[in-house]
PDB file of N, CA and C in Angstrom:
ATOM      1  N   MET A   1      25.098  -2.808   7.224  1.00  0.00           N
ATOM      2  CA  MET A   1      25.102  -2.047   5.947  1.00  0.00           C
ATOM      3  C   MET A   1      23.977  -2.561   4.684  1.00  0.00           C
ATOM      4  N   ILE A   2      24.002  -4.090   4.832  1.00  0.00           N
ATOM      5  CA  ILE A   2      23.004  -4.458   3.784  1.00  0.00           C
ATOM      6  C   ILE A   2      21.742  -3.895   4.018  1.00  0.00           C
ATOM      7  N   ALA A   3      21.227  -3.870   5.404  1.00  0.00           N
ATOM      8  CA  ALA A   3      19.905  -3.353   5.476  1.00  0.00           C
ATOM      9  C   ALA A   3      19.696  -1.879   5.059  1.00  0.00           C
ATOM     10  N   ILE A   4      20.698  -1.041   5.343  1.00  0.00           N
ATOM     11  CA  ILE A   4      20.617   0.311   5.027  1.00  0.00           C
ATOM     12  C   ILE A   4      20.518   0.478   3.532  1.00  0.00           C
ATOM     13  N   SER A   5      21.295  -0.289   2.810  1.00  0.00           N
ATOM     14  CA  SER A   5      21.290  -0.371   1.442  1.00  0.00           C
ATOM     15  C   SER A   5      20.102  -0.790   0.731  1.00  0.00           C
ATOM     16  N   ALA A   6      19.351  -1.899   1.329  1.00  0.00           N
ATOM     17  CA  ALA A   6      18.147  -2.273   1.211  1.00  0.00           C
ATOM     18  C   ALA A   6      17.052  -1.236   1.178  1.00  0.00           C
ATOM     19  N   ILE A   7      17.013  -0.704   2.294  1.00  0.00           N
ATOM     20  CA  ILE A   7      16.049   0.619   2.551  1.00  0.00           C
ATOM     21  C   ILE A   7      16.212   1.679   1.426  1.00  0.00           C
ATOM     22  N   SER A   8      17.361   1.987   1.179  1.00  0.00           N
ATOM     23  CA  SER A   8      17.511   2.927  -0.104  1.00  0.00           C
ATOM     24  C   SER A   8      17.140   2.503  -1.399  1.00  0.00           C
ATOM     25  N   HIS A   9      17.021   1.213  -1.395  1.00  0.00           N
ATOM     26  CA  HIS A   9      16.554   0.619  -2.754  1.00  0.00           C
ATOM     27  C   HIS A   9      15.309   0.571  -3.039  1.00  0.00           C
ATOM     28  N   VAL A  10      14.487   0.724  -1.782  1.00  0.00           N
ATOM     29  CA  VAL A  10      13.066   0.112  -1.647  1.00  0.00           C
ATOM     30  C   VAL A  10      12.264   1.275  -2.538  1.00  0.00           C
ATOM     31  N   PRO A  11      11.301   0.982  -3.349  1.00  0.00           N
ATOM     32  CA  PRO A  11      10.672   2.142  -3.917  1.00  0.00           C
ATOM     33  C   PRO A  11       9.806   2.977  -3.218  1.00  0.00           C
ATOM     34  N   ARG A  12       9.547   4.330  -3.291  1.00  0.00           N
ATOM     35  CA  ARG A  12       8.905   5.072  -2.318  1.00  0.00           C
ATOM     36  C   ARG A  12       7.586   4.711  -2.193  1.00  0.00           C
ATOM     37  N   ASN A  13       7.004   4.065  -3.083  1.00  0.00           N
ATOM     38  CA  ASN A  13       5.421   3.761  -2.686  1.00  0.00           C
ATOM     39  C   ASN A  13       5.480   2.549  -1.625  1.00  0.00           C
ATOM     40  N   THR A  14       6.472   1.768  -1.643  1.00  0.00           N
ATOM     41  CA  THR A  14       6.548   0.701  -0.794  1.00  0.00           C
ATOM     42  C   THR A  14       6.690   1.239   0.657  1.00  0.00           C
ATOM     43  N   LEU A  15       7.590   2.097   0.753  1.00  0.00           N
ATOM     44  CA  LEU A  15       7.671   2.883   2.051  1.00  0.00           C
ATOM     45  C   LEU A  15       6.354   3.712   2.604  1.00  0.00           C
ATOM     46  N   TRP A  16       5.712   4.306   1.439  1.00  0.00           N
ATOM     47  CA  TRP A  16       4.460   5.005   1.813  1.00  0.00           C
ATOM     48  C   TRP A  16       3.484   3.997   2.391  1.00  0.00           C
ATOM     49  N   LEU A  17       3.333   2.727   1.644  1.00  0.00           N
ATOM     50  CA  LEU A  17       2.570   1.739   2.058  1.00  0.00           C
ATOM     51  C   LEU A  17       2.819   1.053   3.466  1.00  0.00           C
ATOM     52  N   SER A  18       4.122   1.045   3.812  1.00  0.00           N
ATOM     53  CA  SER A  18       4.523   0.551   4.915  1.00  0.00           C
ATOM     54  C   SER A  18       4.149   1.402   6.301  1.00  0.00           C
ATOM     55  N   ARG A  19       4.243   2.814   5.827  1.00  0.00           N
ATOM     56  CA  ARG A  19       3.712   3.805   6.884  1.00  0.00           C
ATOM     57  C   ARG A  19       2.389   3.804   7.104  1.00  0.00           C
ATOM     58  N   ALA A  20       1.501   3.720   5.918  1.00  0.00           N
ATOM     59  CA  ALA A  20       0.141   3.781   5.868  1.00  0.00           C
ATOM     60  C   ALA A  20      -0.443   2.311   6.771  1.00  0.00           C
ATOM     61  N   ALA A  21       0.231   1.358   6.454  1.00  0.00           N
ATOM     62  CA  ALA A  21      -0.123   0.347   7.036  1.00  0.00           C
ATOM     63  C   ALA A  21      -0.024   0.250   8.693  1.00  0.00           C
ATOM     64  N   ARG A  22       1.309   0.697   9.049  1.00  0.00           N
ATOM     65  CA  ARG A  22       1.707   0.969  10.599  1.00  0.00           C
ATOM     66  C   ARG A  22       0.396   2.059  11.159  1.00  0.00           C
ATOM     67  N   SER A  23       0.085   3.016  10.235  1.00  0.00           N
ATOM     68  CA  SER A  23      -0.737   4.103  10.838  1.00  0.00           C
ATOM     69  C   SER A  23      -2.328   3.355  11.086  1.00  0.00           C
ATOM     70  N   ALA A  24      -2.769   2.615  10.220  1.00  0.00           N
ATOM     71  CA  ALA A  24      -3.948   1.863  10.063  1.00  0.00           C
ATOM     72  C   ALA A  24      -3.860   0.938  11.467  1.00  0.00           C
ATOM     73  N   ALA A  25      -2.907   0.245  11.485  1.00  0.00           N
ATOM     74  CA  ALA A  25      -2.891  -0.842  12.595  1.00  0.00           C
ATOM     75  C   ALA A  25      -2.953   0.054  13.969  1.00  0.00           C
ATOM     76  N   ARG A  26      -2.312   1.104  13.950  1.00  0.00           N
ATOM     77  CA  ARG A  26      -2.380   1.862  15.262  1.00  0.00           C
ATOM     78  C   ARG A  26      -3.667   2.412  15.367  1.00  0.00           C
ATOM     79  N   ARG A  27      -4.352   2.909  14.529  1.00  0.00           N
ATOM     80  CA  ARG A  27      -5.747   3.345  14.685  1.00  0.00           C
ATOM     81  C   ARG A  27      -6.807   2.351  14.970  1.00  0.00           C
ATOM     82  N   THR A  28      -6.470   1.174  14.331  1.00  0.00           N
ATOM     83  CA  THR A  28      -7.450   0.243  14.453  1.00  0.00           C
ATOM     84  C   THR A  28      -7.247  -0.239  16.078  1.00  0.00           C
ATOM     85  N   SER A  29      -6.153  -0.545  16.493  1.00  0.00           N
ATOM     86  CA  SER A  29      -5.998  -0.967  17.870  1.00  0.00           C
ATOM     87  C   SER A  29      -6.652   0.245  18.830  1.00  0.00           C
ATOM     88  N   GLU A  30      -6.369   1.431  18.459  1.00  0.00           N
ATOM     89  CA  GLU A  30      -6.993   2.513  19.305  1.00  0.00           C
ATOM     90  C   GLU A  30      -8.692   2.288  19.495  1.00  0.00           C
ATOM     91  N   VAL A  31      -9.363   2.002  18.306  1.00  0.00           N
ATOM     92  CA  VAL A  31     -10.563   2.111  18.239  1.00  0.00           C
ATOM     93  C   VAL A  31     -11.087   0.713  19.056  1.00  0.00           C
ATOM     94  N   LEU A  32     -10.133  -0.415  18.548  1.00  0.00           N
ATOM     95  CA  LEU A  32     -10.671  -1.768  19.211  1.00  0.00           C
ATOM     96  C   LEU A  32     -10.566  -1.597  20.812  1.00  0.00           C
ATOM     97  N   GLY A  33      -9.326  -1.156  21.094  1.00  0.00           N
ATOM     98  CA  GLY A  33      -9.242  -0.898  22.563  1.00  0.00           C
ATOM     99  C   GLY A  33     -10.237  -0.137  23.256  1.00  0.00           C
ATOM    100  N   ASP A  34     -10.664   1.059  22.617  1.00  0.00           N
ATOM    101  CA  ASP A  34     -11.479   1.915  23.261  1.00  0.00           C
ATOM    102  C   ASP A  34     -12.893   1.270  23.439  1.00  0.00           C
ATOM    103  N   SER A  35     -13.183   0.679  22.402  1.00  0.00           N
ATOM    104  CA  SER A  35     -14.531  -0.159  22.266  1.00  0.00           C
ATOM    105  C   SER A  35     -14.605  -1.396  23.400  1.00  0.00           C
ATOM    106  N   LEU A  36     -13.447  -1.882  23.497  1.00  0.00           N
ATOM    107  CA  LEU A  36     -13.409  -3.184  24.553  1.00  0.00           C
ATOM    108  C   LEU A  36     -13.474  -2.705  25.799  1.00  0.00           C
ATOM    109  N   LEU A  37     -12.727  -1.551  26.187  1.00  0.00           N
ATOM    110  CA  LEU A  37     -12.606  -0.963  27.566  1.00  0.00           C
ATOM    111  C   LEU A  37     -13.924  -0.439  27.884  1.00  0.00           C
ATOM    112  N   ARG A  38     -14.668   0.111  26.911  1.00  0.00           N
ATOM    113  CA  ARG A  38     -16.019   0.760  27.297  1.00  0.00           C
ATOM    114  C   ARG A  38     -16.900  -0.450  27.523  1.00  0.00           C
ATOM    115  N   HIS A  39     -16.816  -1.303  26.681  1.00  0.00           N
ATOM    116  CA  HIS A  39     -17.584  -2.671  27.222  1.00  0.00           C
ATOM    117  C   HIS A  39     -17.389  -3.186  28.418  1.00  0.00           C
ATOM    118  N   TYR A  40     -16.018  -3.357  29.004  1.00  0.00           N
ATOM    119  CA  TYR A  40     -15.750  -3.865  30.282  1.00  0.00           C
ATOM    120  C   TYR A  40     -16.259  -2.987  31.259  1.00  0.00           C
ATOM    121  N   ALA A  41     -16.059  -1.641  31.015  1.00  0.00           N
ATOM    122  CA  ALA A  41     -16.709  -0.581  32.147  1.00  0.00           C
ATOM    123  C   ALA A  41     -18.146  -0.826  32.276  1.00  0.00           C
ATOM    124  N   GLU A  42     -19.027  -0.815  31.002  1.00  0.00           N
ATOM    125  CA  GLU A  42     -20.427  -1.112  31.070  1.00  0.00           C
ATOM    126  C   GLU A  42     -20.825  -2.446  31.953  1.00  0.00           C
ATOM    127  N   ALA A  43     -20.043  -3.524  31.545  1.00  0.00           N
ATOM    128  CA  ALA A  43     -20.204  -4.721  32.372  1.00  0.00           C
ATOM    129  C   ALA A  43     -19.891  -4.816  33.683  1.00  0.00           C
ATOM    130  N   LEU A  44     -18.801  -4.098  34.065  1.00  0.00           N
ATOM    131  CA  LEU A  44     -18.634  -3.923  35.394  1.00  0.00           C
ATOM    132  C   LEU A  44     -19.717  -3.198  36.205  1.00  0.00           C
ATOM    133  N   GLU A  45     -20.211  -2.126  35.757  1.00  0.00           N
ATOM    134  CA  GLU A  45     -21.223  -1.405  36.203  1.00  0.00           C
ATOM    135  C   GLU A  45     -22.570  -2.246  36.179  1.00  0.00           C
ATOM    136  N   GLU A  46     -23.011  -2.821  35.233  1.00  0.00           N
ATOM    137  CA  GLU A  46     -24.078  -3.791  35.392  1.00  0.00           C
ATOM    138  C   GLU A  46     -23.932  -5.094  36.343  1.00  0.00           C
ATOM    139  N   ILE A  47     -22.634  -5.482  36.505  1.00  0.00           N
ATOM    140  CA  ILE A  47     -22.392  -6.342  37.550  1.00  0.00           C
ATOM    141  C   ILE A  47     -22.601  -5.814  39.007  1.00  0.00           C
ATOM    142  N   ALA A  48     -22.276  -4.560  39.152  1.00  0.00           N
ATOM    143  CA  ALA A  48     -22.385  -3.756  40.436  1.00  0.00           C
ATOM    144  C   ALA A  48     -23.703  -3.632  40.865  1.00  0.00           C
ATOM    145  N   GLN A  49     -24.666  -3.199  39.637  1.00  0.00           N
ATOM    146  CA  GLN A  49     -26.045  -3.050  39.924  1.00  0.00           C
ATOM    147  C   GLN A  49     -26.985  -4.338  40.119  1.00  0.00           C
ATOM    148  N   THR A  50     -26.731  -5.508  39.300  1.00  0.00           N
ATOM    149  CA  THR A  50     -27.460  -6.469  39.442  1.00  0.00           C
ATOM    150  C   THR A  50     -26.864  -7.767  40.227  1.00  0.00           C
ATOM    151  N   GLY A  51     -25.518  -7.790  40.500  1.00  0.00           N
ATOM    152  CA  GLY A  51     -25.024  -8.817  41.111  1.00  0.00           C
ATOM    153  C   GLY A  51     -24.435  -9.621  40.247  1.00  0.00           C
ATOM    154  N   PHE A  52     -23.187 -10.282  40.629  1.00  0.00           N
ATOM    155  CA  PHE A  52     -22.526 -11.177  39.807  1.00  0.00           C
ATOM    156  C   PHE A  52     -23.103 -12.339  39.456  1.00  0.00           C
ATOM    157  N   VAL A  53     -24.137 -13.140  40.278  1.00  0.00           N
ATOM    158  CA  VAL A  53     -24.610 -14.366  40.020  1.00  0.00           C
ATOM    159  C   VAL A  53     -25.664 -14.004  39.070  1.00  0.00           C
ATOM    160  N   ASP A  54     -26.596 -13.059  39.165  1.00  0.00           N
ATOM    161  CA  ASP A  54     -27.503 -12.929  38.195  1.00  0.00           C
ATOM    162  C   ASP A  54     -26.869 -12.447  36.858  1.00  0.00           C
ATOM    163  N   TYR A  55     -25.982 -11.708  36.718  1.00  0.00           N
ATOM    164  CA  TYR A  55     -25.270 -11.230  35.623  1.00  0.00           C
ATOM    165  C   TYR A  55     -24.511 -12.627  34.940  1.00  0.00           C
ATOM    166  N   TRP A  56     -23.910 -13.296  35.734  1.00  0.00           N
ATOM    167  CA  TRP A  56     -23.399 -14.585  35.068  1.00  0.00           C
ATOM    168  C   TRP A  56     -24.270 -15.530  34.616  1.00  0.00           C
ATOM    169  N   MET A  57     -25.359 -15.675  35.283  1.00  0.00           N
ATOM    170  CA  MET A  57     -26.529 -16.699  34.709  1.00  0.00           C
ATOM    171  C   MET A  57     -27.085 -16.120  33.566  1.00  0.00           C
ATOM    172  N   ARG A  58     -27.325 -14.710  33.309  1.00  0.00           N
ATOM    173  CA  ARG A  58     -28.083 -14.195  32.253  1.00  0.00           C
ATOM    174  C   ARG A  58     -27.159 -14.305  31.037  1.00  0.00           C
ATOM    175  N   GLU A  59     -25.812 -14.037  31.296  1.00  0.00           N
ATOM    176  CA  GLU A  59     -24.844 -14.174  30.165  1.00  0.00           C
ATOM    177  C   GLU A  59     -24.400 -15.535  29.663  1.00  0.00           C
ATOM    178  N   PHE A  60     -24.348 -16.488  30.555  1.00  0.00           N
ATOM    179  CA  PHE A  60     -23.715 -17.795  30.171  1.00  0.00           C
ATOM    180  C   PHE A  60     -24.808 -18.864  30.085  1.00  0.00           C
ATOM    181  N   ARG A  61     -26.224 -18.471  30.504  1.00  0.00           N
ATOM    182  CA  ARG A  61     -27.277 -19.552  30.281  1.00  0.00           C
ATOM    183  C   ARG A  61     -27.294 -19.887  28.785  1.00  0.00           C
ATOM    184  N   PRO A  62     -27.238 -19.184  27.759  1.00  0.00           N
ATOM    185  CA  PRO A  62     -27.279 -19.747  26.437  1.00  0.00           C
ATOM    186  C   PRO A  62     -26.254 -20.764  26.128  1.00  0.00           C
ATOM    187  N   TYR A  63     -25.036 -20.463  26.619  1.00  0.00           N
ATOM    188  CA  TYR A  63     -23.847 -21.394  26.036  1.00  0.00           C
ATOM    189  C   TYR A  63     -23.924 -22.701  27.094  1.00  0.00           C
ATOM    190  N   LEU A  64     -24.375 -22.545  28.292  1.00  0.00           N
ATOM    191  CA  LEU A  64     -24.589 -23.734  29.028  1.00  0.00           C
ATOM    192  C   LEU A  64     -25.806 -24.576  28.526  1.00  0.00           C
ATOM    193  N   ARG A  65     -26.601 -24.152  27.966  1.00  0.00           N
ATOM    194  CA  ARG A  65     -27.713 -24.871  27.417  1.00  0.00           C
ATOM    195  C   ARG A  65     -27.327 -25.462  26.029  1.00  0.00           C
ATOM    196  N   ALA A  66     -26.629 -24.793  25.200  1.00  0.00           N
ATOM    197  CA  ALA A  66     -26.042 -25.312  24.285  1.00  0.00           C
ATOM    198  C   ALA A  66     -25.120 -26.399  24.305  1.00  0.00           C
ATOM    199  N   ALA A  67     -24.432 -26.276  25.283  1.00  0.00           N
ATOM    200  CA  ALA A  67     -23.291 -27.368  25.677  1.00  0.00           C
ATOM    201  C   ALA A  67     -23.969 -28.631  26.339  1.00  0.00           C
ATOM    202  N   ALA A  68     -25.110 -28.369  27.074  1.00  0.00           N
ATOM    203  CA  ALA A  68     -25.827 -29.506  27.496  1.00  0.00           C
ATOM    204  C   ALA A  68     -26.560 -30.096  26.367  1.00  0.00           C
ATOM    205  N   GLU A  69     -27.143 -29.586  25.477  1.00  0.00           N
ATOM    206  CA  GLU A  69     -27.675 -30.181  24.203  1.00  0.00           C
ATOM    207  C   GLU A  69     -26.950 -30.966  23.473  1.00  0.00           C
ATOM    208  N   LEU A  70     -25.679 -30.323  23.315  1.00  0.00           N
ATOM    209  CA  LEU A  70     -24.562 -30.900  22.621  1.00  0.00           C
ATOM    210  C   LEU A  70     -24.188 -32.210  23.040  1.00  0.00           C
ATOM    211  N   PHE A  71     -24.200 -32.545  24.295  1.00  0.00           N
ATOM    212  CA  PHE A  71     -23.837 -33.790  24.781  1.00  0.00           C
ATOM    213  C   PHE A  71     -24.944 -34.644  25.596  1.00  0.00           C
ATOM    214  N   ALA A  72     -26.169 -34.155  25.069  1.00  0.00           N
ATOM    215  CA  ALA A  72     -27.346 -35.157  25.464  1.00  0.00           C
ATOM    216  C   ALA A  72     -27.302 -36.107  24.543  1.00  0.00           C
ATOM    217  N   PRO A  73     -27.790 -37.416  25.192  1.00  0.00           N
ATOM    218  CA  PRO A  73     -27.676 -38.806  24.353  1.00  0.00           C
ATOM    219  C   PRO A  73     -28.724 -38.743  23.252  1.00  0.00           C
ATOM    220  N   ALA A  74     -29.755 -37.750  23.120  1.00  0.00           N
ATOM    221  CA  ALA A  74     -30.888 -37.603  22.186  1.00  0.00           C
ATOM    222  C   ALA A  74     -30.431 -36.939  20.860  1.00  0.00           C
ATOM    223  N   THR A  75     -29.348 -36.226  21.216  1.00  0.00           N
ATOM    224  CA  THR A  75     -28.765 -35.347  19.913  1.00  0.00           C
ATOM    225  C   THR A  75     -27.639 -36.214  19.124  1.00  0.00           C
ATOM    226  N   PRO A  76     -28.062 -36.431  17.889  1.00  0.00           N
ATOM    227  CA  PRO A  76     -27.208 -37.116  17.080  1.00  0.00           C
ATOM    228  C   PRO A  76     -25.905 -36.346  16.893  1.00  0.00           C
ATOM    229  N   THR A  77     -24.809 -37.092  16.892  1.00  0.00           N
ATOM    230  CA  THR A  77     -23.505 -36.583  16.596  1.00  0.00           C
ATOM    231  C   THR A  77     -23.222 -36.160  15.169  1.00  0.00           C
ATOM    232  N   LEU A  78     -22.250 -35.396  14.868  1.00  0.00           N
ATOM    233  CA  LEU A  78     -21.969 -35.002  13.512  1.00  0.00           C
ATOM    234  C   LEU A  78     -21.708 -36.309  12.622  1.00  0.00           C
ATOM    235  N   THR A  79     -21.077 -37.229  13.207  1.00  0.00           N
ATOM    236  CA  THR A  79     -20.701 -38.348  12.414  1.00  0.00           C
ATOM    237  C   THR A  79     -22.230 -39.163  12.019  1.00  0.00           C
ATOM    238  N   GLU A  80     -22.985 -39.170  13.110  1.00  0.00           N
ATOM    239  CA  GLU A  80     -24.388 -39.839  12.597  1.00  0.00           C
ATOM    240  C   GLU A  80     -25.267 -39.288  11.850  1.00  0.00           C
ATOM    241  N   ARG A  81     -25.159 -37.945  11.763  1.00  0.00           N
ATOM    242  CA  ARG A  81     -25.771 -37.024  10.618  1.00  0.00           C
ATOM    243  C   ARG A  81     -25.277 -37.358   9.403  1.00  0.00           C
ATOM    244  N   LEU A  82     -24.003 -37.336   9.270  1.00  0.00           N
ATOM    245  CA  LEU A  82     -23.103 -37.566   7.807  1.00  0.00           C
ATOM    246  C   LEU A  82     -23.511 -39.122   7.452  1.00  0.00           C
ATOM    247  N   LEU A  83     -23.497 -40.074   8.344  1.00  0.00           N
ATOM    248  CA  LEU A  83     -23.754 -41.330   7.936  1.00  0.00           C
ATOM    249  C   LEU A  83     -25.256 -41.626   7.327  1.00  0.00           C
ATOM    250  N   LYS A  84     -26.276 -40.743   8.111  1.00  0.00           N
ATOM    251  CA  LYS A  84     -27.604 -40.642   7.545  1.00  0.00           C
ATOM    252  C   LYS A  84     -27.882 -40.249   6.199  1.00  0.00           C
ATOM    253  N   ARG A  85     -26.966 -39.139   5.843  1.00  0.00           N
ATOM    254  CA  ARG A  85     -26.928 -38.632   4.586  1.00  0.00           C
ATOM    255  C   ARG A  85     -26.679 -39.619   3.486  1.00  0.00           C
ATOM    256  N   LEU A  86     -25.579 -40.343   3.714  1.00  0.00           N
ATOM    257  CA  LEU A  86     -24.973 -41.358   2.850  1.00  0.00           C
ATOM    258  C   LEU A  86     -25.719 -42.601   2.609  1.00  0.00           C
TER     259      LEU A  86
END
């Protein structure tokens, strides 16, 4: 009963805002979902054309290179760079 009473005392603009937010969230999820699924479909098509290994190497090479450079002994750590500034 308290919840029903509280709803009846909520200003009309708050109810409108709640409905608008729900509508915006629904539309955003539709747009995001559509673009994500479209990307997946395009990626799967490209994998089928180029082969998984070639696709994987092309997509992950920058990340693997960055990780290798990050852990390379010649690369100064964040702590080393901060201490050099001081």
